[in-house]
Amino acid sequence: MIDSDFLHTTRTFYDAVATDYADHFRDLLAASPLDRGMLAAFADLVRAEGAGPVADLGCGPGKVTAHLHDLGLPVFGIDLSPRMVALAREAHPAVRFDEGSLLDLDLPDGTLGGVVAWYSIIHLPEERLPEAVAEFHRVLAPGGHLLLAFQVGDEPLRLEQPFGHPVSLDFRRRQPDHIAELLRRAGLTMQARMVREPVEDVESTPQAYLLARKPHDTAGA
């Protein structure tokens, strides 16, 4: 696995807050019909293509991974935090969860029918984003689909001592047009985008969802 200061900081942060995080956000997906709609559309597209398994990258406690499993996808989760992986395995024993970094996936080229990065690119420094997108492209099979979710904005948010734990982390908001351009440069074809307003008393910024596809003919990518 690639290691650097930001990976160490992110892993330490989520190991510390894992249990409180899982409890706090346990019902968030159930209360977000637009989020479930995007995940359902992604699942329909992956099933229609029949291109292979799906990886949920930065899966945290596994809520989205388990939801995709319930939608009928052959899905597994990968997270940087050992504690998050342990919680995911405990909560969802029917689903596979592994430790790993989305910058250096221990997966063969062209083997995934889908990749989900649900609020996991928000901790990457700007200069590492093209590297992550290239990795998404590498592991996707031709015809495979990618779904990204992230907060919209230009200014990062630094979260200090969440749930009373002595840790902090930067959350980097992104602009959909910029991320879409990175996807195009990597050889992925944009299919859809959605920006929704923040949920009152839960979120402070709009939320973006980008859906892209790896073309069957990638010779020019």
C-alpha atoms as a PDB file:
ATOM      1  CA  MET A   1       0.000   0.000   0.000  1.00  0.00           C
ATOM      2  CA  ILE A   2       1.146   3.538  -0.748  1.00  0.00           C
ATOM      3  CA  ASP A   3       1.829   5.347   2.511  1.00  0.00           C
ATOM      4  CA  SER A   4       2.196   9.070   3.141  1.00  0.00           C
ATOM      5  CA  ASP A   5       1.346  11.581   5.828  1.00  0.00           C
ATOM      6  CA  PHE A   6      -2.219  12.158   4.637  1.00  0.00           C
ATOM      7  CA  LEU A   7      -2.968   8.429   4.494  1.00  0.00           C
ATOM      8  CA  HIS A   8      -1.624   7.944   8.007  1.00  0.00           C
ATOM      9  CA  THR A   9      -3.656  10.921   9.275  1.00  0.00           C
ATOM     10  CA  THR A  10      -6.838   9.674   7.590  1.00  0.00           C
ATOM     11  CA  ARG A  11      -6.401   6.143   8.924  1.00  0.00           C
ATOM     12  CA  THR A  12      -5.737   7.383  12.454  1.00  0.00           C
ATOM     13  CA  PHE A  13      -8.757   9.691  12.345  1.00  0.00           C
ATOM     14  CA  TYR A  14     -11.223   7.029  11.247  1.00  0.00           C
ATOM     15  CA  ASP A  15      -9.816   4.374  13.565  1.00  0.00           C
ATOM     16  CA  ALA A  16     -10.460   6.797  16.448  1.00  0.00           C
ATOM     17  CA  VAL A  17     -13.999   7.814  15.484  1.00  0.00           C
ATOM     18  CA  ALA A  18     -15.207   4.584  13.862  1.00  0.00           C
ATOM     19  CA  THR A  19     -17.722   3.441  16.467  1.00  0.00           C
ATOM     20  CA  ASP A  20     -19.241   6.902  17.008  1.00  0.00           C
ATOM     21  CA  TYR A  21     -19.269   7.562  13.255  1.00  0.00           C
ATOM     22  CA  ALA A  22     -21.113   4.310  12.541  1.00  0.00           C
ATOM     23  CA  ASP A  23     -23.711   5.055  15.212  1.00  0.00           C
ATOM     24  CA  HIS A  24     -24.177   8.697  14.190  1.00  0.00           C
ATOM     25  CA  PHE A  25     -24.711   7.997  10.471  1.00  0.00           C
ATOM     26  CA  ARG A  26     -26.507   4.663  10.838  1.00  0.00           C
ATOM     27  CA  ASP A  27     -29.828   5.919   9.419  1.00  0.00           C
ATOM     28  CA  LEU A  28     -28.568   8.593   7.012  1.00  0.00           C
ATOM     29  CA  LEU A  29     -29.002   6.524   3.848  1.00  0.00           C
ATOM     30  CA  ALA A  30     -32.500   5.455   4.875  1.00  0.00           C
ATOM     31  CA  ALA A  31     -33.417   9.136   5.185  1.00  0.00           C
ATOM     32  CA  SER A  32     -31.907  10.099   1.790  1.00  0.00           C
ATOM     33  CA  PRO A  33     -34.155   8.997  -1.109  1.00  0.00           C
ATOM     34  CA  LEU A  34     -32.064  10.825  -3.712  1.00  0.00           C
ATOM     35  CA  ASP A  35     -28.930   9.017  -2.534  1.00  0.00           C
ATOM     36  CA  ARG A  36     -30.728   5.688  -2.749  1.00  0.00           C
ATOM     37  CA  GLY A  37     -31.968   6.643  -6.202  1.00  0.00           C
ATOM     38  CA  MET A  38     -28.440   7.198  -7.483  1.00  0.00           C
ATOM     39  CA  LEU A  39     -27.274   3.913  -5.983  1.00  0.00           C
ATOM     40  CA  ALA A  40     -30.241   2.104  -7.531  1.00  0.00           C
ATOM     41  CA  ALA A  41     -29.510   3.584 -10.966  1.00  0.00           C
ATOM     42  CA  PHE A  42     -25.860   2.555 -10.633  1.00  0.00           C
ATOM     43  CA  ALA A  43     -26.901  -0.981  -9.646  1.00  0.00           C
ATOM     44  CA  ASP A  44     -29.270  -1.251 -12.640  1.00  0.00           C
ATOM     45  CA  LEU A  45     -26.517  -0.148 -15.036  1.00  0.00           C
ATOM     46  CA  VAL A  46     -23.963  -2.570 -13.619  1.00  0.00           C
ATOM     47  CA  ARG A  47     -26.413  -5.478 -13.772  1.00  0.00           C
ATOM     48  CA  ALA A  48     -27.358  -4.615 -17.358  1.00  0.00           C
ATOM     49  CA  GLU A  49     -23.718  -4.641 -18.413  1.00  0.00           C
ATOM     50  CA  GLY A  50     -22.896  -7.876 -16.580  1.00  0.00           C
ATOM     51  CA  ALA A  51     -19.266  -6.822 -16.403  1.00  0.00           C
ATOM     52  CA  GLY A  52     -18.165  -8.212 -13.023  1.00  0.00           C
ATOM     53  CA  PRO A  53     -18.070  -7.468  -9.280  1.00  0.00           C
ATOM     54  CA  VAL A  54     -18.319  -4.049  -7.655  1.00  0.00           C
ATOM     55  CA  ALA A  55     -15.880  -2.402  -5.208  1.00  0.00           C
ATOM     56  CA  ASP A  56     -17.055   0.167  -2.657  1.00  0.00           C
ATOM     57  CA  LEU A  57     -13.883   2.175  -2.036  1.00  0.00           C
ATOM     58  CA  GLY A  58     -13.662   3.971   1.285  1.00  0.00           C
ATOM     59  CA  CYS A  59     -16.586   1.896   2.520  1.00  0.00           C
ATOM     60  CA  GLY A  60     -16.363   2.921   6.183  1.00  0.00           C
ATOM     61  CA  PRO A  61     -18.706   0.794   8.348  1.00  0.00           C
ATOM     62  CA  GLY A  62     -20.195  -0.768   5.221  1.00  0.00           C
ATOM     63  CA  LYS A  63     -23.655   0.773   5.049  1.00  0.00           C
ATOM     64  CA  VAL A  64     -23.507   1.586   1.320  1.00  0.00           C
ATOM     65  CA  THR A  65     -21.773  -1.726   0.559  1.00  0.00           C
ATOM     66  CA  ALA A  66     -24.540  -3.635   2.305  1.00  0.00           C
ATOM     67  CA  HIS A  67     -27.197  -1.570   0.500  1.00  0.00           C
ATOM     68  CA  LEU A  68     -25.655  -2.461  -2.862  1.00  0.00           C
ATOM     69  CA  HIS A  69     -25.537  -6.097  -1.777  1.00  0.00           C
ATOM     70  CA  ASP A  70     -29.257  -5.906  -0.964  1.00  0.00           C
ATOM     71  CA  LEU A  71     -29.809  -4.510  -4.474  1.00  0.00           C
ATOM     72  CA  GLY A  72     -28.336  -7.726  -5.855  1.00  0.00           C
ATOM     73  CA  LEU A  73     -24.796  -6.673  -6.741  1.00  0.00           C
ATOM     74  CA  PRO A  74     -21.752  -8.896  -6.084  1.00  0.00           C
ATOM     75  CA  VAL A  75     -20.081  -6.168  -4.035  1.00  0.00           C
ATOM     76  CA  PHE A  76     -17.182  -5.923  -1.597  1.00  0.00           C
ATOM     77  CA  GLY A  77     -15.838  -3.022   0.461  1.00  0.00           C
ATOM     78  CA  ILE A  78     -12.342  -1.616   0.891  1.00  0.00           C
ATOM     79  CA  ASP A  79     -11.344   0.902   3.552  1.00  0.00           C
ATOM     80  CA  LEU A  80      -8.116   2.422   4.831  1.00  0.00           C
ATOM     81  CA  SER A  81      -9.165   2.105   8.482  1.00  0.00           C
ATOM     82  CA  PRO A  82      -8.769  -1.328  10.126  1.00  0.00           C
ATOM     83  CA  ARG A  83     -11.335  -0.350  12.744  1.00  0.00           C
ATOM     84  CA  MET A  84     -13.902   0.597  10.099  1.00  0.00           C
ATOM     85  CA  VAL A  85     -13.300  -2.710   8.322  1.00  0.00           C
ATOM     86  CA  ALA A  86     -13.803  -4.599  11.586  1.00  0.00           C
ATOM     87  CA  LEU A  87     -17.103  -2.808  12.245  1.00  0.00           C
ATOM     88  CA  ALA A  88     -18.273  -3.464   8.680  1.00  0.00           C
ATOM     89  CA  ARG A  89     -17.486  -7.179   8.963  1.00  0.00           C
ATOM     90  CA  GLU A  90     -19.324  -7.380  12.279  1.00  0.00           C
ATOM     91  CA  ALA A  91     -22.415  -5.541  11.026  1.00  0.00           C
ATOM     92  CA  HIS A  92     -22.588  -7.216   7.598  1.00  0.00           C
ATOM     93  CA  PRO A  93     -21.114 -10.725   7.832  1.00  0.00           C
ATOM     94  CA  ALA A  94     -22.493 -11.745   4.425  1.00  0.00           C
ATOM     95  CA  VAL A  95     -20.352  -9.134   2.650  1.00  0.00           C
ATOM     96  CA  ARG A  96     -16.583  -9.125   2.106  1.00  0.00           C
ATOM     97  CA  PHE A  97     -14.540  -6.219   3.488  1.00  0.00           C
ATOM     98  CA  ASP A  98     -10.781  -5.644   3.076  1.00  0.00           C
ATOM     99  CA  GLU A  99      -8.229  -3.058   4.152  1.00  0.00           C
ATOM    100  CA  GLY A 100      -6.674  -1.011   1.365  1.00  0.00           C
ATOM    101  CA  SER A 101      -6.094   2.355  -0.279  1.00  0.00           C
ATOM    102  CA  LEU A 102      -7.986   3.600  -3.310  1.00  0.00           C
ATOM    103  CA  LEU A 103      -4.668   4.938  -4.627  1.00  0.00           C
ATOM    104  CA  ASP A 104      -3.141   1.462  -4.817  1.00  0.00           C
ATOM    105  CA  LEU A 105      -5.794  -1.220  -5.198  1.00  0.00           C
ATOM    106  CA  ASP A 106      -4.696  -4.833  -4.905  1.00  0.00           C
ATOM    107  CA  LEU A 107      -6.913  -5.771  -7.845  1.00  0.00           C
ATOM    108  CA  PRO A 108      -6.127  -6.959 -11.378  1.00  0.00           C
ATOM    109  CA  ASP A 109      -6.651  -4.677 -14.360  1.00  0.00           C
ATOM    110  CA  GLY A 110     -10.100  -4.585 -15.919  1.00  0.00           C
ATOM    111  CA  THR A 111     -11.878  -6.901 -13.498  1.00  0.00           C
ATOM    112  CA  LEU A 112     -14.623  -4.768 -11.907  1.00  0.00           C
ATOM    113  CA  GLY A 113     -18.085  -4.141 -13.253  1.00  0.00           C
ATOM    114  CA  GLY A 114     -18.417  -1.130 -10.981  1.00  0.00           C
ATOM    115  CA  VAL A 115     -16.596   1.172  -8.594  1.00  0.00           C
ATOM    116  CA  VAL A 116     -18.261   3.329  -5.951  1.00  0.00           C
ATOM    117  CA  ALA A 117     -16.307   6.053  -4.140  1.00  0.00           C
ATOM    118  CA  TRP A 118     -18.988   7.405  -1.804  1.00  0.00           C
ATOM    119  CA  TYR A 119     -17.471  10.438  -0.057  1.00  0.00           C
ATOM    120  CA  SER A 120     -13.990   8.896  -0.154  1.00  0.00           C
ATOM    121  CA  ILE A 121     -12.198  11.280  -2.563  1.00  0.00           C
ATOM    122  CA  ILE A 122     -12.828  14.114  -0.091  1.00  0.00           C
ATOM    123  CA  HIS A 123      -9.655  13.314   1.855  1.00  0.00           C
ATOM    124  CA  LEU A 124      -7.301  13.214  -1.145  1.00  0.00           C
ATOM    125  CA  PRO A 125      -4.979  16.175  -1.749  1.00  0.00           C
ATOM    126  CA  GLU A 126      -5.731  17.863  -5.066  1.00  0.00           C
ATOM    127  CA  GLU A 127      -2.516  16.602  -6.651  1.00  0.00           C
ATOM    128  CA  ARG A 128      -3.452  12.967  -5.910  1.00  0.00           C
ATOM    129  CA  LEU A 129      -6.892  13.095  -7.547  1.00  0.00           C
ATOM    130  CA  PRO A 130      -5.663  12.195 -11.067  1.00  0.00           C
ATOM    131  CA  GLU A 131      -3.842   9.217  -9.571  1.00  0.00           C
ATOM    132  CA  ALA A 132      -7.027   7.981  -7.917  1.00  0.00           C
ATOM    133  CA  VAL A 133      -9.095   8.425 -11.081  1.00  0.00           C
ATOM    134  CA  ALA A 134      -6.463   6.547 -13.095  1.00  0.00           C
ATOM    135  CA  GLU A 135      -6.725   3.696 -10.589  1.00  0.00           C
ATOM    136  CA  PHE A 136     -10.518   3.630 -10.978  1.00  0.00           C
ATOM    137  CA  HIS A 137     -10.070   3.399 -14.746  1.00  0.00           C
ATOM    138  CA  ARG A 138      -7.448   0.652 -14.420  1.00  0.00           C
ATOM    139  CA  VAL A 139      -9.580  -1.744 -12.359  1.00  0.00           C
ATOM    140  CA  LEU A 140     -12.818  -1.216 -14.287  1.00  0.00           C
ATOM    141  CA  ALA A 141     -13.695  -3.660 -17.029  1.00  0.00           C
ATOM    142  CA  PRO A 142     -14.736  -2.180 -20.378  1.00  0.00           C
ATOM    143  CA  GLY A 143     -18.352  -1.171 -19.900  1.00  0.00           C
ATOM    144  CA  GLY A 144     -17.886  -0.854 -16.135  1.00  0.00           C
ATOM    145  CA  HIS A 145     -19.444   2.032 -14.215  1.00  0.00           C
ATOM    146  CA  LEU A 146     -18.094   4.507 -11.663  1.00  0.00           C
ATOM    147  CA  LEU A 147     -20.208   6.409  -9.106  1.00  0.00           C
ATOM    148  CA  LEU A 148     -18.683   9.255  -7.073  1.00  0.00           C
ATOM    149  CA  ALA A 149     -20.254  11.280  -4.259  1.00  0.00           C
ATOM    150  CA  PHE A 150     -18.720  14.341  -2.609  1.00  0.00           C
ATOM    151  CA  GLN A 151     -19.487  17.717  -1.061  1.00  0.00           C
ATOM    152  CA  VAL A 152     -19.590  20.706  -3.419  1.00  0.00           C
ATOM    153  CA  GLY A 153     -17.398  23.727  -2.719  1.00  0.00           C
ATOM    154  CA  ASP A 154     -13.975  25.303  -2.952  1.00  0.00           C
ATOM    155  CA  GLU A 155     -12.909  25.725   0.654  1.00  0.00           C
ATOM    156  CA  PRO A 156     -11.827  22.721   2.735  1.00  0.00           C
ATOM    157  CA  LEU A 157     -13.354  22.002   6.126  1.00  0.00           C
ATOM    158  CA  ARG A 158     -11.136  20.982   9.024  1.00  0.00           C
ATOM    159  CA  LEU A 159     -12.927  18.821  11.552  1.00  0.00           C
ATOM    160  CA  GLU A 160     -11.431  19.074  15.028  1.00  0.00           C
ATOM    161  CA  GLN A 161     -11.999  16.583  17.865  1.00  0.00           C
ATOM    162  CA  PRO A 162     -15.199  14.956  16.540  1.00  0.00           C
ATOM    163  CA  PHE A 163     -17.204  13.054  19.147  1.00  0.00           C
ATOM    164  CA  GLY A 164     -14.617  14.244  21.686  1.00  0.00           C
ATOM    165  CA  HIS A 165     -11.703  12.297  20.175  1.00  0.00           C
ATOM    166  CA  PRO A 166      -8.297  14.065  20.030  1.00  0.00           C
ATOM    167  CA  VAL A 167      -7.972  13.843  16.232  1.00  0.00           C
ATOM    168  CA  SER A 168      -8.566  16.187  13.305  1.00  0.00           C
ATOM    169  CA  LEU A 169      -8.907  15.846   9.533  1.00  0.00           C
ATOM    170  CA  ASP A 170      -9.367  17.990   6.428  1.00  0.00           C
ATOM    171  CA  PHE A 171     -12.478  17.403   4.304  1.00  0.00           C
ATOM    172  CA  ARG A 172     -11.899  18.704   0.788  1.00  0.00           C
ATOM    173  CA  ARG A 173     -14.952  19.876  -1.102  1.00  0.00           C
ATOM    174  CA  ARG A 174     -14.891  19.592  -4.890  1.00  0.00           C
ATOM    175  CA  GLN A 175     -16.464  21.170  -7.948  1.00  0.00           C
ATOM    176  CA  PRO A 176     -18.407  18.749 -10.186  1.00  0.00           C
ATOM    177  CA  ASP A 177     -17.068  20.263 -13.428  1.00  0.00           C
ATOM    178  CA  HIS A 178     -13.480  19.785 -12.261  1.00  0.00           C
ATOM    179  CA  ILE A 179     -14.022  16.155 -11.232  1.00  0.00           C
ATOM    180  CA  ALA A 180     -15.885  15.443 -14.478  1.00  0.00           C
ATOM    181  CA  GLU A 181     -12.924  16.794 -16.442  1.00  0.00           C
ATOM    182  CA  LEU A 182     -10.518  14.540 -14.526  1.00  0.00           C
ATOM    183  CA  LEU A 183     -12.728  11.574 -15.374  1.00  0.00           C
ATOM    184  CA  ARG A 184     -12.757  12.494 -19.060  1.00  0.00           C
ATOM    185  CA  ARG A 185      -8.971  12.881 -19.106  1.00  0.00           C
ATOM    186  CA  ALA A 186      -8.619   9.406 -17.613  1.00  0.00           C
ATOM    187  CA  GLY A 187     -10.681   7.917 -20.443  1.00  0.00           C
ATOM    188  CA  LEU A 188     -14.048   7.646 -18.704  1.00  0.00           C
ATOM    189  CA  THR A 189     -17.288   8.801 -20.321  1.00  0.00           C
ATOM    190  CA  MET A 190     -19.655  10.938 -18.279  1.00  0.00           C
ATOM    191  CA  GLN A 191     -23.203   9.607 -18.060  1.00  0.00           C
ATOM    192  CA  ALA A 192     -24.970  11.691 -15.431  1.00  0.00           C
ATOM    193  CA  ARG A 193     -24.490  14.188 -12.663  1.00  0.00           C
ATOM    194  CA  MET A 194     -26.712  15.378  -9.870  1.00  0.00           C
ATOM    195  CA  VAL A 195     -26.272  18.165  -7.336  1.00  0.00           C
ATOM    196  CA  ARG A 196     -28.759  18.297  -4.495  1.00  0.00           C
ATOM    197  CA  GLU A 197     -29.269  20.808  -1.738  1.00  0.00           C
ATOM    198  CA  PRO A 198     -27.973  20.003   1.760  1.00  0.00           C
ATOM    199  CA  VAL A 199     -30.209  18.161   4.188  1.00  0.00           C
ATOM    200  CA  GLU A 200     -31.332  20.637   6.849  1.00  0.00           C
ATOM    201  CA  ASP A 201     -29.538  20.303  10.198  1.00  0.00           C
ATOM    202  CA  VAL A 202     -27.315  17.536   8.770  1.00  0.00           C
ATOM    203  CA  GLU A 203     -25.261  19.034   5.903  1.00  0.00           C
ATOM    204  CA  SER A 204     -23.848  22.496   5.268  1.00  0.00           C
ATOM    205  CA  THR A 205     -23.109  22.317   1.514  1.00  0.00           C
ATOM    206  CA  PRO A 206     -24.684  20.899  -1.652  1.00  0.00           C
ATOM    207  CA  GLN A 207     -23.825  17.286  -2.470  1.00  0.00           C
ATOM    208  CA  ALA A 208     -22.697  16.045  -5.888  1.00  0.00           C
ATOM    209  CA  TYR A 209     -22.994  12.656  -7.594  1.00  0.00           C
ATOM    210  CA  LEU A 210     -21.176  11.806 -10.832  1.00  0.00           C
ATOM    211  CA  LEU A 211     -21.805   8.674 -12.858  1.00  0.00           C
ATOM    212  CA  ALA A 212     -19.281   7.647 -15.510  1.00  0.00           C
ATOM    213  CA  ARG A 213     -18.462   4.605 -17.641  1.00  0.00           C
ATOM    214  CA  LYS A 214     -15.360   2.996 -19.075  1.00  0.00           C
ATOM    215  CA  PRO A 215     -15.942   2.636 -22.820  1.00  0.00           C
ATOM    216  CA  HIS A 216     -15.700  -0.766 -24.455  1.00  0.00           C
ATOM    217  CA  ASP A 217     -13.266   0.669 -27.002  1.00  0.00           C
ATOM    218  CA  THR A 218     -10.475   2.151 -24.835  1.00  0.00           C
ATOM    219  CA  ALA A 219      -7.788   2.283 -27.508  1.00  0.00           C
ATOM    220  CA  GLY A 220      -7.829   6.052 -27.563  1.00  0.00           C
ATOM    221  CA  ALA A 221      -8.126   6.513 -23.793  1.00  0.00           C
END
